[in-house]
N, C-alpha and C. Protein backbone atom coordinates (compact mmCIF):
# COMPACT_ATOMS: atom_id res chain seq x y z
N MET A 1 34.10 -40.48 -16.68
CA MET A 1 34.94 -39.80 -15.70
C MET A 1 34.48 -40.27 -14.34
N THR A 2 35.46 -40.72 -13.53
CA THR A 2 35.08 -41.15 -12.17
C THR A 2 34.98 -39.99 -11.26
N GLY A 3 34.15 -40.17 -10.20
CA GLY A 3 33.98 -39.11 -9.22
C GLY A 3 35.26 -38.72 -8.52
N THR A 4 36.13 -39.70 -8.25
CA THR A 4 37.36 -39.39 -7.55
C THR A 4 38.27 -38.54 -8.37
N SER A 5 38.44 -38.87 -9.66
CA SER A 5 39.35 -38.06 -10.49
C SER A 5 38.75 -36.65 -10.72
N GLU A 6 37.44 -36.59 -10.81
CA GLU A 6 36.79 -35.29 -10.93
C GLU A 6 37.03 -34.47 -9.68
N PHE A 7 36.92 -35.10 -8.52
CA PHE A 7 37.18 -34.39 -7.26
C PHE A 7 38.65 -33.98 -7.18
N ASP A 8 39.54 -34.85 -7.55
CA ASP A 8 41.00 -34.53 -7.55
C ASP A 8 41.30 -33.32 -8.38
N ARG A 9 40.72 -33.28 -9.56
CA ARG A 9 40.97 -32.11 -10.44
C ARG A 9 40.41 -30.84 -9.83
N LEU A 10 39.24 -30.92 -9.19
CA LEU A 10 38.67 -29.76 -8.51
C LEU A 10 39.58 -29.30 -7.41
N PHE A 11 40.06 -30.22 -6.62
CA PHE A 11 40.96 -29.90 -5.51
C PHE A 11 42.21 -29.21 -6.03
N GLU A 12 42.84 -29.83 -7.02
CA GLU A 12 44.10 -29.27 -7.57
C GLU A 12 43.88 -27.88 -8.19
N ALA A 13 42.73 -27.66 -8.80
CA ALA A 13 42.47 -26.41 -9.47
C ALA A 13 42.12 -25.30 -8.48
N HIS A 14 41.56 -25.60 -7.31
CA HIS A 14 41.02 -24.54 -6.46
C HIS A 14 41.57 -24.46 -5.06
N PHE A 15 42.31 -25.44 -4.60
CA PHE A 15 42.79 -25.42 -3.23
C PHE A 15 43.64 -24.16 -2.92
N ALA A 16 44.62 -23.90 -3.76
CA ALA A 16 45.54 -22.77 -3.48
C ALA A 16 44.79 -21.45 -3.52
N GLU A 17 43.90 -21.23 -4.46
CA GLU A 17 43.18 -19.96 -4.51
C GLU A 17 42.25 -19.79 -3.35
N LEU A 18 41.63 -20.87 -2.89
CA LEU A 18 40.75 -20.78 -1.74
C LEU A 18 41.57 -20.49 -0.44
N VAL A 19 42.71 -21.07 -0.34
CA VAL A 19 43.58 -20.78 0.79
C VAL A 19 44.02 -19.32 0.77
N GLN A 20 44.36 -18.83 -0.41
CA GLN A 20 44.78 -17.41 -0.52
C GLN A 20 43.69 -16.47 -0.13
N SER A 21 42.48 -16.68 -0.61
CA SER A 21 41.41 -15.76 -0.25
C SER A 21 41.00 -15.89 1.21
N LEU A 22 40.99 -17.11 1.73
CA LEU A 22 40.64 -17.29 3.15
C LEU A 22 41.74 -16.72 4.04
N THR A 23 42.99 -16.79 3.61
CA THR A 23 44.08 -16.15 4.35
C THR A 23 43.84 -14.65 4.41
N ALA A 24 43.41 -14.05 3.31
CA ALA A 24 43.15 -12.63 3.28
C ALA A 24 41.98 -12.29 4.20
N ILE A 25 41.01 -13.18 4.28
CA ILE A 25 39.82 -12.92 5.12
C ILE A 25 40.20 -13.05 6.58
N THR A 26 40.95 -14.08 6.95
CA THR A 26 41.22 -14.36 8.35
C THR A 26 42.52 -13.75 8.84
N GLY A 27 43.46 -13.48 7.95
CA GLY A 27 44.76 -12.98 8.37
C GLY A 27 45.64 -14.06 8.92
N ASP A 28 45.26 -15.31 8.78
CA ASP A 28 46.00 -16.45 9.36
C ASP A 28 46.09 -17.56 8.34
N ARG A 29 47.27 -17.74 7.76
CA ARG A 29 47.47 -18.69 6.70
C ARG A 29 47.23 -20.13 7.15
N GLU A 30 47.69 -20.49 8.35
CA GLU A 30 47.52 -21.83 8.85
C GLU A 30 46.06 -22.16 9.09
N LEU A 31 45.35 -21.21 9.68
CA LEU A 31 43.89 -21.43 9.91
C LEU A 31 43.20 -21.57 8.55
N ALA A 32 43.56 -20.74 7.58
CA ALA A 32 42.96 -20.82 6.27
C ALA A 32 43.21 -22.17 5.62
N ARG A 33 44.44 -22.66 5.69
CA ARG A 33 44.77 -23.97 5.10
C ARG A 33 43.94 -25.06 5.78
N ASP A 34 43.89 -25.00 7.10
CA ASP A 34 43.10 -26.04 7.85
C ASP A 34 41.65 -26.01 7.47
N CYS A 35 41.06 -24.82 7.39
CA CYS A 35 39.65 -24.72 7.07
C CYS A 35 39.34 -25.16 5.64
N VAL A 36 40.17 -24.77 4.71
CA VAL A 36 39.94 -25.19 3.31
C VAL A 36 40.12 -26.69 3.18
N GLN A 37 41.15 -27.22 3.85
CA GLN A 37 41.35 -28.65 3.80
C GLN A 37 40.14 -29.39 4.40
N GLU A 38 39.65 -28.93 5.54
CA GLU A 38 38.49 -29.56 6.13
C GLU A 38 37.25 -29.45 5.23
N ALA A 39 37.11 -28.29 4.58
CA ALA A 39 35.96 -28.13 3.64
C ALA A 39 36.04 -29.12 2.49
N PHE A 40 37.26 -29.35 1.96
CA PHE A 40 37.42 -30.35 0.90
C PHE A 40 37.16 -31.75 1.42
N VAL A 41 37.54 -32.04 2.66
CA VAL A 41 37.27 -33.36 3.26
C VAL A 41 35.76 -33.54 3.34
N ARG A 42 35.03 -32.51 3.76
CA ARG A 42 33.56 -32.63 3.87
C ARG A 42 32.96 -32.75 2.48
N ALA A 43 33.50 -32.05 1.51
CA ALA A 43 32.98 -32.17 0.16
C ALA A 43 33.20 -33.59 -0.39
N TYR A 44 34.36 -34.15 -0.10
CA TYR A 44 34.68 -35.50 -0.57
C TYR A 44 33.71 -36.51 0.05
N ALA A 45 33.43 -36.33 1.34
CA ALA A 45 32.52 -37.24 2.01
C ALA A 45 31.12 -37.19 1.43
N ARG A 46 30.74 -36.04 0.85
CA ARG A 46 29.41 -35.84 0.28
C ARG A 46 29.47 -35.68 -1.24
N TRP A 47 30.55 -36.17 -1.84
CA TRP A 47 30.83 -35.83 -3.24
C TRP A 47 29.69 -36.23 -4.19
N ARG A 48 29.00 -37.32 -3.96
CA ARG A 48 27.95 -37.73 -4.86
C ARG A 48 26.86 -36.64 -4.93
N ARG A 49 26.61 -35.92 -3.86
CA ARG A 49 25.62 -34.86 -3.85
C ARG A 49 26.28 -33.53 -4.26
N VAL A 50 27.43 -33.25 -3.69
CA VAL A 50 28.08 -31.95 -3.92
C VAL A 50 28.42 -31.75 -5.41
N ARG A 51 28.84 -32.84 -6.08
CA ARG A 51 29.26 -32.72 -7.47
C ARG A 51 28.08 -32.29 -8.40
N LEU A 52 26.85 -32.45 -7.93
CA LEU A 52 25.69 -32.08 -8.72
C LEU A 52 25.34 -30.60 -8.57
N TYR A 53 25.94 -29.90 -7.62
CA TYR A 53 25.66 -28.50 -7.44
C TYR A 53 26.12 -27.72 -8.66
N ASP A 54 25.51 -26.57 -8.91
CA ASP A 54 25.91 -25.73 -10.02
C ASP A 54 27.40 -25.41 -9.96
N ASN A 55 27.86 -25.08 -8.76
CA ASN A 55 29.27 -24.74 -8.57
C ASN A 55 29.76 -25.33 -7.23
N PRO A 56 30.33 -26.50 -7.23
CA PRO A 56 30.80 -27.14 -5.99
C PRO A 56 31.82 -26.28 -5.25
N VAL A 57 32.59 -25.48 -5.96
CA VAL A 57 33.60 -24.64 -5.31
C VAL A 57 32.95 -23.60 -4.40
N THR A 58 31.77 -23.12 -4.81
CA THR A 58 31.04 -22.16 -3.97
C THR A 58 30.65 -22.82 -2.66
N TRP A 59 30.19 -24.04 -2.73
CA TRP A 59 29.84 -24.77 -1.50
C TRP A 59 31.07 -24.99 -0.62
N ILE A 60 32.16 -25.37 -1.22
CA ILE A 60 33.42 -25.62 -0.48
C ILE A 60 33.88 -24.30 0.16
N ARG A 61 33.83 -23.22 -0.59
CA ARG A 61 34.25 -21.90 -0.07
C ARG A 61 33.38 -21.52 1.14
N ARG A 62 32.11 -21.70 1.04
CA ARG A 62 31.21 -21.36 2.11
C ARG A 62 31.51 -22.21 3.37
N VAL A 63 31.73 -23.46 3.19
CA VAL A 63 32.07 -24.32 4.32
C VAL A 63 33.36 -23.84 4.98
N ALA A 64 34.37 -23.54 4.16
CA ALA A 64 35.64 -23.08 4.69
C ALA A 64 35.49 -21.76 5.49
N ILE A 65 34.71 -20.84 4.94
CA ILE A 65 34.48 -19.56 5.63
C ILE A 65 33.74 -19.81 6.95
N ASN A 66 32.74 -20.69 6.93
CA ASN A 66 32.01 -20.96 8.15
C ASN A 66 32.92 -21.64 9.17
N LEU A 67 33.80 -22.52 8.74
CA LEU A 67 34.73 -23.16 9.65
C LEU A 67 35.67 -22.14 10.27
N SER A 68 36.13 -21.17 9.46
CA SER A 68 37.02 -20.13 10.01
C SER A 68 36.28 -19.24 11.02
N ARG A 69 35.02 -18.95 10.75
CA ARG A 69 34.23 -18.17 11.71
C ARG A 69 34.07 -18.95 13.03
N ASP A 70 33.78 -20.24 12.89
CA ASP A 70 33.64 -21.08 14.08
C ASP A 70 34.92 -21.09 14.89
N ALA A 71 36.08 -21.21 14.20
CA ALA A 71 37.35 -21.24 14.88
C ALA A 71 37.60 -19.92 15.58
N HIS A 72 37.26 -18.82 14.92
CA HIS A 72 37.47 -17.49 15.52
C HIS A 72 36.61 -17.34 16.76
N ARG A 73 35.34 -17.74 16.67
CA ARG A 73 34.44 -17.68 17.83
C ARG A 73 34.94 -18.55 18.97
N SER A 74 35.40 -19.73 18.64
CA SER A 74 35.92 -20.62 19.68
C SER A 74 37.15 -20.02 20.33
N ASP A 75 38.01 -19.45 19.54
CA ASP A 75 39.24 -18.81 20.08
C ASP A 75 38.88 -17.60 20.99
N THR A 76 37.89 -16.87 20.54
CA THR A 76 37.44 -15.70 21.33
C THR A 76 36.86 -16.15 22.65
N ARG A 77 36.03 -17.17 22.65
CA ARG A 77 35.48 -17.73 23.88
C ARG A 77 36.59 -18.22 24.81
N ARG A 78 37.55 -18.92 24.24
CA ARG A 78 38.66 -19.44 25.05
C ARG A 78 39.42 -18.30 25.70
N ARG A 79 39.72 -17.26 24.94
CA ARG A 79 40.44 -16.10 25.51
C ARG A 79 39.65 -15.42 26.62
N ARG A 80 38.33 -15.33 26.43
CA ARG A 80 37.50 -14.72 27.49
C ARG A 80 37.52 -15.58 28.77
N ARG A 81 37.45 -16.90 28.57
CA ARG A 81 37.51 -17.80 29.76
C ARG A 81 38.85 -17.61 30.46
N GLU A 82 39.94 -17.58 29.68
CA GLU A 82 41.26 -17.43 30.31
C GLU A 82 41.38 -16.06 31.02
N ASP A 83 40.81 -15.02 30.42
CA ASP A 83 40.86 -13.70 31.05
C ASP A 83 40.09 -13.71 32.36
N ARG A 84 38.94 -14.38 32.41
CA ARG A 84 38.16 -14.46 33.63
C ARG A 84 38.89 -15.20 34.73
N VAL A 85 39.65 -16.20 34.34
CA VAL A 85 40.39 -17.01 35.32
C VAL A 85 41.68 -16.30 35.73
N GLY A 86 42.07 -15.27 35.00
CA GLY A 86 43.27 -14.52 35.34
C GLY A 86 44.50 -14.97 34.59
N ASN A 87 44.32 -15.78 33.59
CA ASN A 87 45.43 -16.19 32.76
C ASN A 87 45.58 -15.30 31.56
N GLU A 88 45.71 -14.01 31.80
CA GLU A 88 45.81 -13.05 30.69
C GLU A 88 47.05 -13.36 29.86
N GLN A 89 46.82 -13.55 28.59
CA GLN A 89 47.92 -13.74 27.65
C GLN A 89 47.75 -12.71 26.54
N PRO A 90 48.81 -12.04 26.16
CA PRO A 90 48.68 -11.05 25.09
C PRO A 90 48.25 -11.71 23.80
N ALA A 91 47.41 -11.01 23.07
CA ALA A 91 46.98 -11.56 21.76
C ALA A 91 48.15 -11.52 20.82
N VAL A 92 48.49 -12.66 20.26
CA VAL A 92 49.62 -12.75 19.35
C VAL A 92 49.08 -12.96 17.96
N ARG A 93 49.53 -12.11 17.07
CA ARG A 93 49.09 -12.20 15.67
C ARG A 93 49.88 -13.28 14.98
N GLU A 94 49.23 -14.07 14.19
CA GLU A 94 49.87 -15.17 13.47
C GLU A 94 50.90 -14.61 12.50
N ALA A 95 51.73 -15.46 11.97
CA ALA A 95 52.78 -15.07 11.04
C ALA A 95 52.23 -14.33 9.86
N GLU A 96 53.06 -13.44 9.26
CA GLU A 96 52.60 -12.64 8.13
C GLU A 96 52.12 -13.57 7.02
N VAL A 97 51.13 -13.12 6.32
CA VAL A 97 50.54 -13.89 5.22
C VAL A 97 51.51 -13.91 4.07
N GLU A 98 51.72 -15.11 3.49
CA GLU A 98 52.59 -15.25 2.33
C GLU A 98 51.77 -15.14 1.08
N THR A 99 51.88 -14.05 0.39
CA THR A 99 51.18 -13.93 -0.88
C THR A 99 52.16 -13.39 -1.95
N VAL A 100 51.70 -13.34 -3.12
CA VAL A 100 52.55 -12.90 -4.24
C VAL A 100 52.39 -11.42 -4.42
N THR A 101 53.50 -10.73 -4.61
CA THR A 101 53.64 -9.31 -4.93
C THR A 101 52.59 -8.41 -4.30
N SER A 102 51.70 -7.90 -5.08
CA SER A 102 50.70 -6.93 -4.59
C SER A 102 49.71 -7.57 -3.60
N GLY A 103 49.60 -8.86 -3.65
CA GLY A 103 48.68 -9.51 -2.71
C GLY A 103 49.06 -9.22 -1.25
N LEU A 104 50.34 -9.09 -0.94
CA LEU A 104 50.78 -8.78 0.40
C LEU A 104 50.31 -7.41 0.82
N HIS A 105 50.43 -6.43 -0.07
CA HIS A 105 49.94 -5.08 0.21
C HIS A 105 48.43 -5.07 0.38
N LEU A 106 47.74 -5.84 -0.46
CA LEU A 106 46.30 -5.92 -0.34
C LEU A 106 45.89 -6.50 1.02
N VAL A 107 46.53 -7.56 1.45
CA VAL A 107 46.25 -8.13 2.72
C VAL A 107 46.48 -7.14 3.86
N ALA A 108 47.53 -6.39 3.76
CA ALA A 108 47.79 -5.36 4.78
C ALA A 108 46.69 -4.32 4.77
N LEU A 109 46.25 -3.96 3.60
CA LEU A 109 45.13 -2.97 3.49
C LEU A 109 43.86 -3.54 4.09
N LEU A 110 43.62 -4.82 3.91
CA LEU A 110 42.40 -5.43 4.40
C LEU A 110 42.30 -5.35 5.93
N ASP A 111 43.44 -5.20 6.62
CA ASP A 111 43.44 -5.10 8.07
C ASP A 111 42.62 -3.88 8.55
N HIS A 112 42.43 -2.91 7.69
CA HIS A 112 41.68 -1.70 8.06
C HIS A 112 40.18 -1.87 7.98
N LEU A 113 39.73 -3.02 7.54
CA LEU A 113 38.29 -3.24 7.33
C LEU A 113 37.66 -4.08 8.43
N THR A 114 36.34 -3.97 8.54
CA THR A 114 35.62 -4.85 9.45
C THR A 114 35.69 -6.25 8.88
N PRO A 115 35.41 -7.25 9.72
CA PRO A 115 35.48 -8.64 9.21
C PRO A 115 34.59 -8.91 8.00
N GLN A 116 33.38 -8.38 7.99
CA GLN A 116 32.49 -8.64 6.82
C GLN A 116 33.00 -7.90 5.59
N GLN A 117 33.48 -6.68 5.74
CA GLN A 117 34.02 -5.93 4.61
C GLN A 117 35.29 -6.63 4.09
N ARG A 118 36.10 -7.11 4.99
CA ARG A 118 37.30 -7.84 4.62
C ARG A 118 37.02 -9.09 3.83
N ALA A 119 36.01 -9.86 4.26
CA ALA A 119 35.63 -11.06 3.55
C ALA A 119 35.12 -10.75 2.16
N VAL A 120 34.27 -9.74 2.04
CA VAL A 120 33.70 -9.40 0.76
C VAL A 120 34.79 -8.88 -0.19
N ALA A 121 35.65 -8.00 0.28
CA ALA A 121 36.73 -7.46 -0.55
C ALA A 121 37.71 -8.55 -0.95
N ALA A 122 38.06 -9.43 -0.06
CA ALA A 122 39.01 -10.49 -0.41
C ALA A 122 38.43 -11.40 -1.49
N LEU A 123 37.18 -11.80 -1.35
CA LEU A 123 36.62 -12.68 -2.35
C LEU A 123 36.45 -11.95 -3.70
N PHE A 124 36.07 -10.68 -3.66
CA PHE A 124 35.85 -9.91 -4.87
C PHE A 124 37.17 -9.66 -5.60
N TYR A 125 38.21 -9.21 -4.86
CA TYR A 125 39.43 -8.79 -5.50
C TYR A 125 40.45 -9.94 -5.69
N LEU A 126 40.52 -10.88 -4.77
CA LEU A 126 41.47 -11.97 -4.88
C LEU A 126 40.99 -13.12 -5.73
N GLU A 127 39.71 -13.45 -5.56
CA GLU A 127 39.17 -14.60 -6.34
C GLU A 127 38.41 -14.14 -7.57
N ASP A 128 38.12 -12.81 -7.62
CA ASP A 128 37.42 -12.26 -8.76
C ASP A 128 36.08 -13.01 -9.01
N ILE A 129 35.34 -13.19 -7.92
CA ILE A 129 34.05 -13.87 -8.08
C ILE A 129 32.94 -12.83 -7.99
N SER A 130 31.80 -13.18 -8.53
CA SER A 130 30.69 -12.27 -8.65
C SER A 130 30.05 -11.92 -7.32
N VAL A 131 29.34 -10.81 -7.31
CA VAL A 131 28.63 -10.36 -6.10
C VAL A 131 27.65 -11.45 -5.64
N ALA A 132 26.94 -12.06 -6.58
CA ALA A 132 25.97 -13.09 -6.27
C ALA A 132 26.66 -14.29 -5.59
N GLU A 133 27.77 -14.72 -6.14
CA GLU A 133 28.48 -15.85 -5.61
C GLU A 133 29.07 -15.53 -4.23
N ILE A 134 29.54 -14.32 -4.04
CA ILE A 134 30.04 -13.93 -2.71
C ILE A 134 28.89 -14.01 -1.72
N GLY A 135 27.72 -13.55 -2.11
CA GLY A 135 26.55 -13.62 -1.26
C GLY A 135 26.24 -15.04 -0.84
N VAL A 136 26.32 -15.96 -1.78
CA VAL A 136 26.08 -17.38 -1.47
C VAL A 136 27.15 -17.89 -0.55
N SER A 137 28.41 -17.54 -0.80
CA SER A 137 29.54 -17.99 0.00
C SER A 137 29.44 -17.51 1.43
N LEU A 138 28.99 -16.29 1.62
CA LEU A 138 28.94 -15.71 2.95
C LEU A 138 27.58 -15.83 3.63
N GLY A 139 26.61 -16.26 2.86
CA GLY A 139 25.26 -16.40 3.42
C GLY A 139 24.57 -15.08 3.63
N ILE A 140 24.83 -14.11 2.75
CA ILE A 140 24.19 -12.80 2.80
C ILE A 140 23.62 -12.43 1.43
N SER A 141 22.78 -11.41 1.38
CA SER A 141 22.18 -11.02 0.13
C SER A 141 23.18 -10.32 -0.76
N ALA A 142 22.87 -10.26 -2.07
CA ALA A 142 23.71 -9.54 -2.99
C ALA A 142 23.77 -8.07 -2.61
N GLY A 143 22.64 -7.52 -2.17
CA GLY A 143 22.60 -6.12 -1.71
C GLY A 143 23.55 -5.89 -0.55
N ALA A 144 23.60 -6.82 0.40
CA ALA A 144 24.53 -6.69 1.52
C ALA A 144 25.98 -6.78 1.04
N VAL A 145 26.24 -7.63 0.07
CA VAL A 145 27.60 -7.71 -0.51
C VAL A 145 27.98 -6.37 -1.11
N LYS A 146 27.08 -5.78 -1.87
CA LYS A 146 27.36 -4.48 -2.50
C LYS A 146 27.59 -3.41 -1.44
N PHE A 147 26.78 -3.42 -0.37
CA PHE A 147 26.93 -2.46 0.70
C PHE A 147 28.32 -2.57 1.35
N HIS A 148 28.71 -3.81 1.70
CA HIS A 148 30.00 -4.02 2.36
C HIS A 148 31.16 -3.73 1.42
N LEU A 149 30.99 -4.05 0.16
CA LEU A 149 32.02 -3.75 -0.83
C LEU A 149 32.20 -2.22 -1.01
N ASN A 150 31.10 -1.51 -1.02
CA ASN A 150 31.11 -0.04 -1.10
C ASN A 150 31.82 0.55 0.13
N LYS A 151 31.46 0.08 1.33
CA LYS A 151 32.08 0.54 2.55
C LYS A 151 33.59 0.25 2.55
N ALA A 152 33.94 -0.95 2.07
CA ALA A 152 35.34 -1.36 2.03
C ALA A 152 36.10 -0.44 1.07
N ARG A 153 35.55 -0.18 -0.09
CA ARG A 153 36.21 0.72 -1.03
C ARG A 153 36.43 2.11 -0.43
N SER A 154 35.42 2.65 0.22
CA SER A 154 35.51 3.95 0.84
C SER A 154 36.62 3.99 1.89
N THR A 155 36.64 2.98 2.73
CA THR A 155 37.68 2.92 3.76
C THR A 155 39.05 2.77 3.11
N LEU A 156 39.20 1.90 2.15
CA LEU A 156 40.49 1.69 1.50
C LEU A 156 40.95 2.91 0.77
N LYS A 157 40.03 3.66 0.19
CA LYS A 157 40.42 4.88 -0.51
C LYS A 157 41.08 5.85 0.49
N VAL A 158 40.51 6.03 1.63
CA VAL A 158 41.06 6.92 2.65
C VAL A 158 42.43 6.46 3.09
N VAL A 159 42.56 5.12 3.33
CA VAL A 159 43.84 4.57 3.77
C VAL A 159 44.91 4.75 2.70
N ILE A 160 44.59 4.48 1.46
CA ILE A 160 45.53 4.61 0.37
C ILE A 160 45.92 6.07 0.17
N GLU A 161 44.96 6.99 0.24
CA GLU A 161 45.30 8.42 0.13
C GLU A 161 46.21 8.86 1.26
N ARG A 162 45.94 8.34 2.49
CA ARG A 162 46.78 8.69 3.63
C ARG A 162 48.20 8.17 3.43
N GLU A 163 48.31 6.95 2.94
CA GLU A 163 49.65 6.36 2.66
C GLU A 163 50.40 7.15 1.58
N ALA A 164 49.66 7.54 0.55
CA ALA A 164 50.28 8.34 -0.52
C ALA A 164 50.78 9.66 -0.02
N ALA A 165 50.03 10.30 0.88
CA ALA A 165 50.42 11.59 1.42
C ALA A 165 51.67 11.47 2.27
N VAL A 166 51.81 10.32 2.98
CA VAL A 166 52.99 10.11 3.84
C VAL A 166 54.23 9.91 2.96
N HIS A 167 54.06 9.25 1.78
CA HIS A 167 55.23 8.97 0.92
C HIS A 167 55.60 10.13 -0.01
N ASP A 168 54.78 11.14 -0.05
CA ASP A 168 55.09 12.26 -0.95
C ASP A 168 56.07 13.23 -0.33
């Protein structure tokens, strides 16, 4: 099996799911696509080493998440500079996330969470990955993943109960 075909199969098998989960984390489908694509480019450039990892997808996911965080920080710094100069522009939310059926509702629910809770919940519920792997992807301990997941569940429970009360 050649490294290129192995990489191609990995890309085809995981690109869409990584974009979906990163979209849920960031709330921005275009940013998610760009970050996942760049993560795969970086993996390809280092494929001889990355292919030997226990799970190359975990490495790619972590790179994509880090790229999205960098983009968010850069955007925040840019907005602050513009505000200081007096070029106040209203914050515009990117286009609604395109997901399948209940995924759209889940993404809307994730808006009620802190960024770390949102990332943990998206990876846990959308990608169905383990607490340990989420920890590796986000660069936090398994205990921190469990803490954020518990907080996310508590917050989402309140939001869902509130929504149910409104619809009754």
